[in-house]
Amino acid sequence: MLSLVIILLIIWLVLAILGFVIKSLLWLAVVGIILFVITALWGFIRRGGRTKS
């Protein structure tokens, strides 16, 4: 599960960087940043809710 979150974070980060590098794709940067934040929060919440047995 953690590896999936890390892979998604990397993909969103790459999309955001590409959006900033290619000025006509600025919307891609915004989408990448939004998805990065959502995925990071989701991963943090899922990891924090796990109990140790």
PDB file of N, CA and C in Angstrom:
ATOM      1  N   MET A   1       0.821  -1.186   0.000  1.00  0.00           N
ATOM      2  CA  MET A   1       0.000   0.000   0.000  1.00  0.00           C
ATOM      3  C   MET A   1       0.870   1.257   0.000  1.00  0.00           C
ATOM      4  N   LEU A   2       1.898   1.239   0.808  1.00  0.00           N
ATOM      5  CA  LEU A   2       2.777   2.400   0.884  1.00  0.00           C
ATOM      6  C   LEU A   2       3.506   2.619  -0.437  1.00  0.00           C
ATOM      7  N   SER A   3       3.870   1.538  -1.105  1.00  0.00           N
ATOM      8  CA  SER A   3       4.567   1.683  -2.386  1.00  0.00           C
ATOM      9  C   SER A   3       3.662   2.312  -3.434  1.00  0.00           C
ATOM     10  N   LEU A   4       2.356   2.004  -3.402  1.00  0.00           N
ATOM     11  CA  LEU A   4       1.404   2.608  -4.339  1.00  0.00           C
ATOM     12  C   LEU A   4       1.324   4.114  -4.116  1.00  0.00           C
ATOM     13  N   VAL A   5       1.263   4.532  -2.871  1.00  0.00           N
ATOM     14  CA  VAL A   5       1.202   5.961  -2.547  1.00  0.00           C
ATOM     15  C   VAL A   5       2.475   6.663  -3.010  1.00  0.00           C
ATOM     16  N   ILE A   6       3.617   6.053  -2.791  1.00  0.00           N
ATOM     17  CA  ILE A   6       4.884   6.659  -3.209  1.00  0.00           C
ATOM     18  C   ILE A   6       4.956   6.775  -4.724  1.00  0.00           C
ATOM     19  N   ILE A   7       4.524   5.744  -5.438  1.00  0.00           N
ATOM     20  CA  ILE A   7       4.525   5.793  -6.905  1.00  0.00           C
ATOM     21  C   ILE A   7       3.600   6.897  -7.403  1.00  0.00           C
ATOM     22  N   LEU A   8       2.408   7.010  -6.811  1.00  0.00           N
ATOM     23  CA  LEU A   8       1.484   8.074  -7.215  1.00  0.00           C
ATOM     24  C   LEU A   8       2.064   9.449  -6.933  1.00  0.00           C
ATOM     25  N   LEU A   9       2.717   9.607  -5.779  1.00  0.00           N
ATOM     26  CA  LEU A   9       3.324  10.904  -5.457  1.00  0.00           C
ATOM     27  C   LEU A   9       4.397  11.273  -6.472  1.00  0.00           C
ATOM     28  N   ILE A  10       5.187  10.305  -6.896  1.00  0.00           N
ATOM     29  CA  ILE A  10       6.225  10.562  -7.896  1.00  0.00           C
ATOM     30  C   ILE A  10       5.601  10.960  -9.224  1.00  0.00           C
ATOM     31  N   ILE A  11       4.540  10.256  -9.625  1.00  0.00           N
ATOM     32  CA  ILE A  11       3.869  10.589 -10.893  1.00  0.00           C
ATOM     33  C   ILE A  11       3.308  11.999 -10.847  1.00  0.00           C
ATOM     34  N   TRP A  12       2.635  12.361  -9.752  1.00  0.00           N
ATOM     35  CA  TRP A  12       2.058  13.704  -9.654  1.00  0.00           C
ATOM     36  C   TRP A  12       3.143  14.773  -9.636  1.00  0.00           C
ATOM     37  N   LEU A  13       4.263  14.485  -9.001  1.00  0.00           N
ATOM     38  CA  LEU A  13       5.359  15.440  -8.961  1.00  0.00           C
ATOM     39  C   LEU A  13       5.948  15.662 -10.348  1.00  0.00           C
ATOM     40  N   VAL A  14       6.107  14.592 -11.114  1.00  0.00           N
ATOM     41  CA  VAL A  14       6.615  14.703 -12.481  1.00  0.00           C
ATOM     42  C   VAL A  14       5.648  15.514 -13.339  1.00  0.00           C
ATOM     43  N   LEU A  15       4.351  15.268 -13.206  1.00  0.00           N
ATOM     44  CA  LEU A  15       3.360  16.028 -13.966  1.00  0.00           C
ATOM     45  C   LEU A  15       3.406  17.515 -13.617  1.00  0.00           C
ATOM     46  N   ALA A  16       3.557  17.816 -12.338  1.00  0.00           N
ATOM     47  CA  ALA A  16       3.636  19.219 -11.919  1.00  0.00           C
ATOM     48  C   ALA A  16       4.881  19.891 -12.488  1.00  0.00           C
ATOM     49  N   ILE A  17       6.016  19.209 -12.459  1.00  0.00           N
ATOM     50  CA  ILE A  17       7.256  19.784 -12.997  1.00  0.00           C
ATOM     51  C   ILE A  17       7.127  20.004 -14.499  1.00  0.00           C
ATOM     52  N   LEU A  18       6.571  19.025 -15.211  1.00  0.00           N
ATOM     53  CA  LEU A  18       6.370  19.196 -16.657  1.00  0.00           C
ATOM     54  C   LEU A  18       5.454  20.374 -16.947  1.00  0.00           C
ATOM     55  N   GLY A  19       4.427  20.548 -16.147  1.00  0.00           N
ATOM     56  CA  GLY A  19       3.513  21.674 -16.329  1.00  0.00           C
ATOM     57  C   GLY A  19       4.203  23.019 -16.149  1.00  0.00           C
ATOM     58  N   PHE A  20       5.141  23.107 -15.220  1.00  0.00           N
ATOM     59  CA  PHE A  20       5.859  24.365 -15.024  1.00  0.00           C
ATOM     60  C   PHE A  20       6.924  24.585 -16.097  1.00  0.00           C
ATOM     61  N   VAL A  21       7.531  23.510 -16.584  1.00  0.00           N
ATOM     62  CA  VAL A  21       8.566  23.637 -17.608  1.00  0.00           C
ATOM     63  C   VAL A  21       7.956  24.062 -18.947  1.00  0.00           C
ATOM     64  N   ILE A  22       6.845  23.437 -19.296  1.00  0.00           N
ATOM     65  CA  ILE A  22       6.167  23.772 -20.551  1.00  0.00           C
ATOM     66  C   ILE A  22       5.039  24.739 -20.202  1.00  0.00           C
ATOM     67  N   LYS A  23       5.237  26.005 -20.490  1.00  0.00           N
ATOM     68  CA  LYS A  23       4.331  27.062 -20.050  1.00  0.00           C
ATOM     69  C   LYS A  23       2.902  26.855 -20.530  1.00  0.00           C
ATOM     70  N   SER A  24       2.713  26.262 -21.699  1.00  0.00           N
ATOM     71  CA  SER A  24       1.355  26.074 -22.204  1.00  0.00           C
ATOM     72  C   SER A  24       0.617  24.980 -21.441  1.00  0.00           C
ATOM     73  N   LEU A  25       1.341  24.222 -20.653  1.00  0.00           N
ATOM     74  CA  LEU A  25       0.724  23.161 -19.869  1.00  0.00           C
ATOM     75  C   LEU A  25       0.672  23.531 -18.384  1.00  0.00           C
ATOM     76  N   LEU A  26       0.456  24.782 -18.100  1.00  0.00           N
ATOM     77  CA  LEU A  26       0.392  25.235 -16.707  1.00  0.00           C
ATOM     78  C   LEU A  26      -0.745  24.544 -15.956  1.00  0.00           C
ATOM     79  N   TRP A  27      -1.829  24.242 -16.661  1.00  0.00           N
ATOM     80  CA  TRP A  27      -2.949  23.531 -16.031  1.00  0.00           C
ATOM     81  C   TRP A  27      -2.500  22.160 -15.527  1.00  0.00           C
ATOM     82  N   LEU A  28      -1.544  21.550 -16.243  1.00  0.00           N
ATOM     83  CA  LEU A  28      -1.044  20.249 -15.828  1.00  0.00           C
ATOM     84  C   LEU A  28      -0.299  20.362 -14.498  1.00  0.00           C
ATOM     85  N   ALA A  29       0.396  21.455 -14.303  1.00  0.00           N
ATOM     86  CA  ALA A  29       1.087  21.691 -13.037  1.00  0.00           C
ATOM     87  C   ALA A  29       0.085  21.825 -11.898  1.00  0.00           C
ATOM     88  N   VAL A  30      -0.987  22.541 -12.152  1.00  0.00           N
ATOM     89  CA  VAL A  30      -2.003  22.734 -11.113  1.00  0.00           C
ATOM     90  C   VAL A  30      -2.651  21.398 -10.759  1.00  0.00           C
ATOM     91  N   VAL A  31      -3.005  20.610 -11.763  1.00  0.00           N
ATOM     92  CA  VAL A  31      -3.598  19.296 -11.518  1.00  0.00           C
ATOM     93  C   VAL A  31      -2.609  18.399 -10.780  1.00  0.00           C
ATOM     94  N   GLY A  32      -1.347  18.428 -11.186  1.00  0.00           N
ATOM     95  CA  GLY A  32      -0.331  17.614 -10.532  1.00  0.00           C
ATOM     96  C   GLY A  32      -0.161  17.971  -9.075  1.00  0.00           C
ATOM     97  N   ILE A  33      -0.153  19.250  -8.765  1.00  0.00           N
ATOM     98  CA  ILE A  33      -0.005  19.695  -7.376  1.00  0.00           C
ATOM     99  C   ILE A  33      -1.220  19.276  -6.547  1.00  0.00           C
ATOM    100  N   ILE A  34      -2.410  19.453  -7.095  1.00  0.00           N
ATOM    101  CA  ILE A  34      -3.626  19.078  -6.378  1.00  0.00           C
ATOM    102  C   ILE A  34      -3.637  17.575  -6.096  1.00  0.00           C
ATOM    103  N   LEU A  35      -3.316  16.771  -7.109  1.00  0.00           N
ATOM    104  CA  LEU A  35      -3.303  15.322  -6.922  1.00  0.00           C
ATOM    105  C   LEU A  35      -2.205  14.888  -5.956  1.00  0.00           C
ATOM    106  N   PHE A  36      -1.067  15.576  -5.981  1.00  0.00           N
ATOM    107  CA  PHE A  36       0.022  15.281  -5.049  1.00  0.00           C
ATOM    108  C   PHE A  36      -0.437  15.494  -3.610  1.00  0.00           C
ATOM    109  N   VAL A  37      -1.077  16.627  -3.366  1.00  0.00           N
ATOM    110  CA  VAL A  37      -1.528  16.949  -2.007  1.00  0.00           C
ATOM    111  C   VAL A  37      -2.593  15.953  -1.546  1.00  0.00           C
ATOM    112  N   ILE A  38      -3.550  15.651  -2.432  1.00  0.00           N
ATOM    113  CA  ILE A  38      -4.612  14.710  -2.068  1.00  0.00           C
ATOM    114  C   ILE A  38      -4.035  13.334  -1.755  1.00  0.00           C
ATOM    115  N   THR A  39      -3.111  12.866  -2.587  1.00  0.00           N
ATOM    116  CA  THR A  39      -2.511  11.551  -2.369  1.00  0.00           C
ATOM    117  C   THR A  39      -1.686  11.530  -1.084  1.00  0.00           C
ATOM    118  N   ALA A  40      -0.941  12.590  -0.825  1.00  0.00           N
ATOM    119  CA  ALA A  40      -0.141  12.659   0.401  1.00  0.00           C
ATOM    120  C   ALA A  40      -1.042  12.649   1.632  1.00  0.00           C
ATOM    121  N   LEU A  41      -2.119  13.408   1.604  1.00  0.00           N
ATOM    122  CA  LEU A  41      -3.045  13.419   2.732  1.00  0.00           C
ATOM    123  C   LEU A  41      -3.716  12.060   2.909  1.00  0.00           C
ATOM    124  N   TRP A  42      -4.107  11.440   1.815  1.00  0.00           N
ATOM    125  CA  TRP A  42      -4.754  10.137   1.875  1.00  0.00           C
ATOM    126  C   TRP A  42      -3.798   9.093   2.469  1.00  0.00           C
ATOM    127  N   GLY A  43      -2.560   9.112   2.011  1.00  0.00           N
ATOM    128  CA  GLY A  43      -1.575   8.181   2.542  1.00  0.00           C
ATOM    129  C   GLY A  43      -1.293   8.420   4.012  1.00  0.00           C
ATOM    130  N   PHE A  44      -1.229   9.682   4.409  1.00  0.00           N
ATOM    131  CA  PHE A  44      -0.977  10.023   5.805  1.00  0.00           C
ATOM    132  C   PHE A  44      -2.132   9.566   6.691  1.00  0.00           C
ATOM    133  N   ILE A  45      -3.352   9.780   6.230  1.00  0.00           N
ATOM    134  CA  ILE A  45      -4.529   9.390   7.005  1.00  0.00           C
ATOM    135  C   ILE A  45      -4.620   7.868   7.110  1.00  0.00           C
ATOM    136  N   ARG A  46      -4.392   7.169   5.995  1.00  0.00           N
ATOM    137  CA  ARG A  46      -4.460   5.707   6.007  1.00  0.00           C
ATOM    138  C   ARG A  46      -3.366   5.106   6.899  1.00  0.00           C
ATOM    139  N   ARG A  47      -2.190   5.697   6.860  1.00  0.00           N
ATOM    140  CA  ARG A  47      -1.091   5.186   7.674  1.00  0.00           C
ATOM    141  C   ARG A  47      -1.298   5.496   9.145  1.00  0.00           C
ATOM    142  N   GLY A  48      -1.855   6.658   9.444  1.00  0.00           N
ATOM    143  CA  GLY A  48      -2.080   7.059  10.831  1.00  0.00           C
ATOM    144  C   GLY A  48      -3.221   6.301  11.480  1.00  0.00           C
ATOM    145  N   GLY A  49      -4.164   5.800  10.687  1.00  0.00           N
ATOM    146  CA  GLY A  49      -5.300   5.083  11.221  1.00  0.00           C
ATOM    147  C   GLY A  49      -5.026   3.635  11.515  1.00  0.00           C
ATOM    148  N   ARG A  50      -3.884   3.150  11.106  1.00  0.00           N
ATOM    149  CA  ARG A  50      -3.524   1.748  11.296  1.00  0.00           C
ATOM    150  C   ARG A  50      -3.117   1.498  12.750  1.00  0.00           C
ATOM    151  N   THR A  51      -3.659   0.460  13.329  1.00  0.00           N
ATOM    152  CA  THR A  51      -3.305   0.141  14.712  1.00  0.00           C
ATOM    153  C   THR A  51      -2.218  -0.927  14.727  1.00  0.00           C
ATOM    154  N   LYS A  52      -1.393  -0.895  15.732  1.00  0.00           N
ATOM    155  CA  LYS A  52      -0.310  -1.889  15.863  1.00  0.00           C
ATOM    156  C   LYS A  52      -0.827  -3.059  16.676  1.00  0.00           C
ATOM    157  N   SER A  53      -0.694  -4.252  16.125  1.00  0.00           N
ATOM    158  CA  SER A  53      -1.169  -5.453  16.817  1.00  0.00           C
ATOM    159  C   SER A  53      -0.009  -6.283  17.283  1.00  0.00           C
TER     160      SER A  53
END
